[in-house]
Amino acid sequence: MKTKQVVLVLLCLASALSTCGCWVAVVGAGAAGTVAYIKGDLETTEPADIDTIYAAAKKTLHDLEVTLVEDSKDALTAEIVARDAENRKITIKLNSVTEQATKLSIRVGAFGDETASRRIYNGIRDNLI
């Protein structure tokens, strides 16, 4: 009987822990402007259309004097790839969530650089105003 109780408790804990991450993702997705640094990517959803975010991202990279390597965009997605003075790859990905919301992802370097990613993000936010 005790073994059944232990197994039941472990299953309940595993279930609670596995759904906990989903809950955080749902809450974060609905809150525009919430910024998270996860596994080397700075991610947020901004309350602006993809064209506006795309223009702000390109202006920010120009202002930071990085070298643009690749640039592609359609009505739903965009990706900008650049290189900084240290030859680190900068990748900015945009995904249209709605007509007035865009998911933004920034990665600097192979493993990510939170400080540099936040500087780029802050530049994009400044260029939205």
C-alpha atoms as a PDB file:
ATOM      1  CA  MET A   1       0.000   0.000   0.000  1.00  0.00           C
ATOM      2  CA  LYS A   2       2.809   2.421   0.864  1.00  0.00           C
ATOM      3  CA  THR A   3       4.455   1.830  -2.533  1.00  0.00           C
ATOM      4  CA  LYS A   4       1.244   2.857  -4.301  1.00  0.00           C
ATOM      5  CA  GLN A   5       1.110   6.092  -2.293  1.00  0.00           C
ATOM      6  CA  VAL A   6       4.733   6.937  -3.112  1.00  0.00           C
ATOM      7  CA  VAL A   7       4.149   6.268  -6.817  1.00  0.00           C
ATOM      8  CA  LEU A   8       0.986   8.393  -6.753  1.00  0.00           C
ATOM      9  CA  VAL A   9       2.801  11.294  -5.073  1.00  0.00           C
ATOM     10  CA  LEU A  10       5.663  11.074  -7.580  1.00  0.00           C
ATOM     11  CA  LEU A  11       3.232  11.058 -10.508  1.00  0.00           C
ATOM     12  CA  CYS A  12       1.436  14.099  -9.092  1.00  0.00           C
ATOM     13  CA  LEU A  13       4.735  15.949  -8.654  1.00  0.00           C
ATOM     14  CA  ALA A  14       5.881  15.049 -12.166  1.00  0.00           C
ATOM     15  CA  SER A  15       2.570  16.214 -13.587  1.00  0.00           C
ATOM     16  CA  ALA A  16       2.724  19.508 -11.697  1.00  0.00           C
ATOM     17  CA  LEU A  17       6.307  20.179 -12.771  1.00  0.00           C
ATOM     18  CA  SER A  18       5.656  19.339 -16.410  1.00  0.00           C
ATOM     19  CA  THR A  19       2.693  21.717 -16.663  1.00  0.00           C
ATOM     20  CA  CYS A  20       4.451  24.479 -14.745  1.00  0.00           C
ATOM     21  CA  GLY A  21       6.627  25.362 -17.752  1.00  0.00           C
ATOM     22  CA  CYS A  22       3.592  25.527 -20.020  1.00  0.00           C
ATOM     23  CA  TRP A  23       1.858  27.890 -17.642  1.00  0.00           C
ATOM     24  CA  VAL A  24       4.851  30.235 -17.629  1.00  0.00           C
ATOM     25  CA  ALA A  25       4.968  30.170 -21.427  1.00  0.00           C
ATOM     26  CA  VAL A  26       1.272  31.002 -21.698  1.00  0.00           C
ATOM     27  CA  VAL A  27       1.514  33.863 -19.211  1.00  0.00           C
ATOM     28  CA  GLY A  28       4.619  35.256 -20.923  1.00  0.00           C
ATOM     29  CA  ALA A  29       3.082  35.017 -24.382  1.00  0.00           C
ATOM     30  CA  GLY A  30       0.041  37.024 -23.390  1.00  0.00           C
ATOM     31  CA  ALA A  31       1.962  39.801 -21.700  1.00  0.00           C
ATOM     32  CA  ALA A  32       3.262  42.111 -24.411  1.00  0.00           C
ATOM     33  CA  GLY A  33       6.632  43.594 -23.611  1.00  0.00           C
ATOM     34  CA  THR A  34       7.695  40.871 -21.155  1.00  0.00           C
ATOM     35  CA  VAL A  35      11.342  40.076 -21.861  1.00  0.00           C
ATOM     36  CA  ALA A  36      12.909  36.693 -21.103  1.00  0.00           C
ATOM     37  CA  TYR A  37      16.472  35.498 -21.702  1.00  0.00           C
ATOM     38  CA  ILE A  38      16.200  31.771 -22.384  1.00  0.00           C
ATOM     39  CA  LYS A  39      19.009  29.481 -23.578  1.00  0.00           C
ATOM     40  CA  GLY A  40      20.937  32.306 -25.239  1.00  0.00           C
ATOM     41  CA  ASP A  41      17.941  34.027 -26.851  1.00  0.00           C
ATOM     42  CA  LEU A  42      16.334  37.219 -25.636  1.00  0.00           C
ATOM     43  CA  GLU A  43      12.622  36.841 -26.410  1.00  0.00           C
ATOM     44  CA  THR A  44       9.631  39.128 -26.138  1.00  0.00           C
ATOM     45  CA  THR A  45       6.369  39.970 -27.829  1.00  0.00           C
ATOM     46  CA  GLU A  46       6.060  43.618 -28.761  1.00  0.00           C
ATOM     47  CA  PRO A  47       2.772  45.491 -29.329  1.00  0.00           C
ATOM     48  CA  ALA A  48       3.594  46.580 -32.890  1.00  0.00           C
ATOM     49  CA  ASP A  49       3.245  45.149 -36.371  1.00  0.00           C
ATOM     50  CA  ILE A  50       6.097  43.233 -37.981  1.00  0.00           C
ATOM     51  CA  ASP A  51       6.960  46.067 -40.422  1.00  0.00           C
ATOM     52  CA  THR A  52       7.469  48.545 -37.579  1.00  0.00           C
ATOM     53  CA  ILE A  53       9.637  46.159 -35.529  1.00  0.00           C
ATOM     54  CA  TYR A  54      11.627  45.195 -38.654  1.00  0.00           C
ATOM     55  CA  ALA A  55      12.397  48.848 -39.479  1.00  0.00           C
ATOM     56  CA  ALA A  56      13.388  49.559 -35.857  1.00  0.00           C
ATOM     57  CA  ALA A  57      15.676  46.495 -35.789  1.00  0.00           C
ATOM     58  CA  LYS A  58      17.430  47.489 -39.014  1.00  0.00           C
ATOM     59  CA  LYS A  59      17.914  51.075 -37.767  1.00  0.00           C
ATOM     60  CA  THR A  60      19.309  49.780 -34.466  1.00  0.00           C
ATOM     61  CA  LEU A  61      21.869  47.580 -36.228  1.00  0.00           C
ATOM     62  CA  HIS A  62      22.843  50.518 -38.446  1.00  0.00           C
ATOM     63  CA  ASP A  63      23.205  52.752 -35.359  1.00  0.00           C
ATOM     64  CA  LEU A  64      25.416  50.112 -33.698  1.00  0.00           C
ATOM     65  CA  GLU A  65      27.577  50.003 -36.854  1.00  0.00           C
ATOM     66  CA  VAL A  66      27.385  46.237 -37.277  1.00  0.00           C
ATOM     67  CA  THR A  67      27.735  44.624 -40.708  1.00  0.00           C
ATOM     68  CA  LEU A  68      24.493  43.364 -42.229  1.00  0.00           C
ATOM     69  CA  VAL A  69      25.020  39.871 -43.668  1.00  0.00           C
ATOM     70  CA  GLU A  70      21.542  38.606 -44.536  1.00  0.00           C
ATOM     71  CA  ASP A  71      18.093  40.099 -44.552  1.00  0.00           C
ATOM     72  CA  SER A  72      14.788  38.425 -45.444  1.00  0.00           C
ATOM     73  CA  LYS A  73      11.176  39.354 -44.750  1.00  0.00           C
ATOM     74  CA  ASP A  74       7.644  38.474 -45.749  1.00  0.00           C
ATOM     75  CA  ALA A  75       4.277  39.395 -44.244  1.00  0.00           C
ATOM     76  CA  LEU A  76       4.583  36.875 -41.392  1.00  0.00           C
ATOM     77  CA  THR A  77       8.286  36.434 -40.615  1.00  0.00           C
ATOM     78  CA  ALA A  78      11.597  38.207 -40.893  1.00  0.00           C
ATOM     79  CA  GLU A  79      15.208  37.398 -40.114  1.00  0.00           C
ATOM     80  CA  ILE A  80      18.171  39.743 -39.974  1.00  0.00           C
ATOM     81  CA  VAL A  81      21.699  38.382 -39.632  1.00  0.00           C
ATOM     82  CA  ALA A  82      24.643  40.665 -38.913  1.00  0.00           C
ATOM     83  CA  ARG A  83      28.214  40.493 -37.589  1.00  0.00           C
ATOM     84  CA  ASP A  84      29.694  42.740 -34.925  1.00  0.00           C
ATOM     85  CA  ALA A  85      33.292  44.013 -34.656  1.00  0.00           C
ATOM     86  CA  GLU A  86      34.272  40.766 -32.878  1.00  0.00           C
ATOM     87  CA  ASN A  87      32.783  38.801 -35.805  1.00  0.00           C
ATOM     88  CA  ARG A  88      30.033  37.414 -33.574  1.00  0.00           C
ATOM     89  CA  LYS A  89      26.852  36.493 -35.398  1.00  0.00           C
ATOM     90  CA  ILE A  90      23.791  38.547 -34.447  1.00  0.00           C
ATOM     91  CA  THR A  91      20.440  37.014 -35.379  1.00  0.00           C
ATOM     92  CA  ILE A  92      17.156  38.855 -35.020  1.00  0.00           C
ATOM     93  CA  LYS A  93      14.011  36.837 -35.785  1.00  0.00           C
ATOM     94  CA  LEU A  94      10.520  38.277 -36.036  1.00  0.00           C
ATOM     95  CA  ASN A  95       7.223  36.394 -36.172  1.00  0.00           C
ATOM     96  CA  SER A  96       3.893  38.127 -36.620  1.00  0.00           C
ATOM     97  CA  VAL A  97       1.569  37.025 -33.824  1.00  0.00           C
ATOM     98  CA  THR A  98      -1.326  39.326 -34.760  1.00  0.00           C
ATOM     99  CA  GLU A  99      -1.635  42.451 -36.879  1.00  0.00           C
ATOM    100  CA  GLN A 100      -0.453  44.484 -33.891  1.00  0.00           C
ATOM    101  CA  ALA A 101       1.882  42.068 -32.072  1.00  0.00           C
ATOM    102  CA  THR A 102       5.244  40.649 -33.103  1.00  0.00           C
ATOM    103  CA  LYS A 103       7.406  38.041 -31.398  1.00  0.00           C
ATOM    104  CA  LEU A 104      11.030  39.201 -31.318  1.00  0.00           C
ATOM    105  CA  SER A 105      14.046  36.952 -30.704  1.00  0.00           C
ATOM    106  CA  ILE A 106      17.654  38.203 -30.466  1.00  0.00           C
ATOM    107  CA  ARG A 107      20.785  36.033 -30.221  1.00  0.00           C
ATOM    108  CA  VAL A 108      24.351  37.319 -30.142  1.00  0.00           C
ATOM    109  CA  GLY A 109      27.113  34.765 -30.653  1.00  0.00           C
ATOM    110  CA  ALA A 110      26.917  30.997 -30.687  1.00  0.00           C
ATOM    111  CA  PHE A 111      25.971  30.680 -27.016  1.00  0.00           C
ATOM    112  CA  GLY A 112      24.230  34.025 -26.552  1.00  0.00           C
ATOM    113  CA  ASP A 113      25.306  37.240 -24.860  1.00  0.00           C
ATOM    114  CA  GLU A 114      22.605  38.679 -22.625  1.00  0.00           C
ATOM    115  CA  THR A 115      24.212  42.108 -22.243  1.00  0.00           C
ATOM    116  CA  ALA A 116      24.639  42.599 -25.999  1.00  0.00           C
ATOM    117  CA  SER A 117      21.144  41.209 -26.694  1.00  0.00           C
ATOM    118  CA  ARG A 118      19.596  43.621 -24.201  1.00  0.00           C
ATOM    119  CA  ARG A 119      21.500  46.531 -25.740  1.00  0.00           C
ATOM    120  CA  ILE A 120      20.092  45.640 -29.158  1.00  0.00           C
ATOM    121  CA  TYR A 121      16.613  45.201 -27.680  1.00  0.00           C
ATOM    122  CA  ASN A 122      16.796  48.583 -25.955  1.00  0.00           C
ATOM    123  CA  GLY A 123      17.870  50.157 -29.262  1.00  0.00           C
ATOM    124  CA  ILE A 124      14.901  48.588 -31.019  1.00  0.00           C
ATOM    125  CA  ARG A 125      12.545  49.884 -28.296  1.00  0.00           C
ATOM    126  CA  ASP A 126      14.075  53.370 -28.589  1.00  0.00           C
ATOM    127  CA  ASN A 127      13.593  53.325 -32.352  1.00  0.00           C
ATOM    128  CA  LEU A 128       9.919  52.400 -31.975  1.00  0.00           C
ATOM    129  CA  ILE A 129       9.175  55.752 -30.341  1.00  0.00           C
END
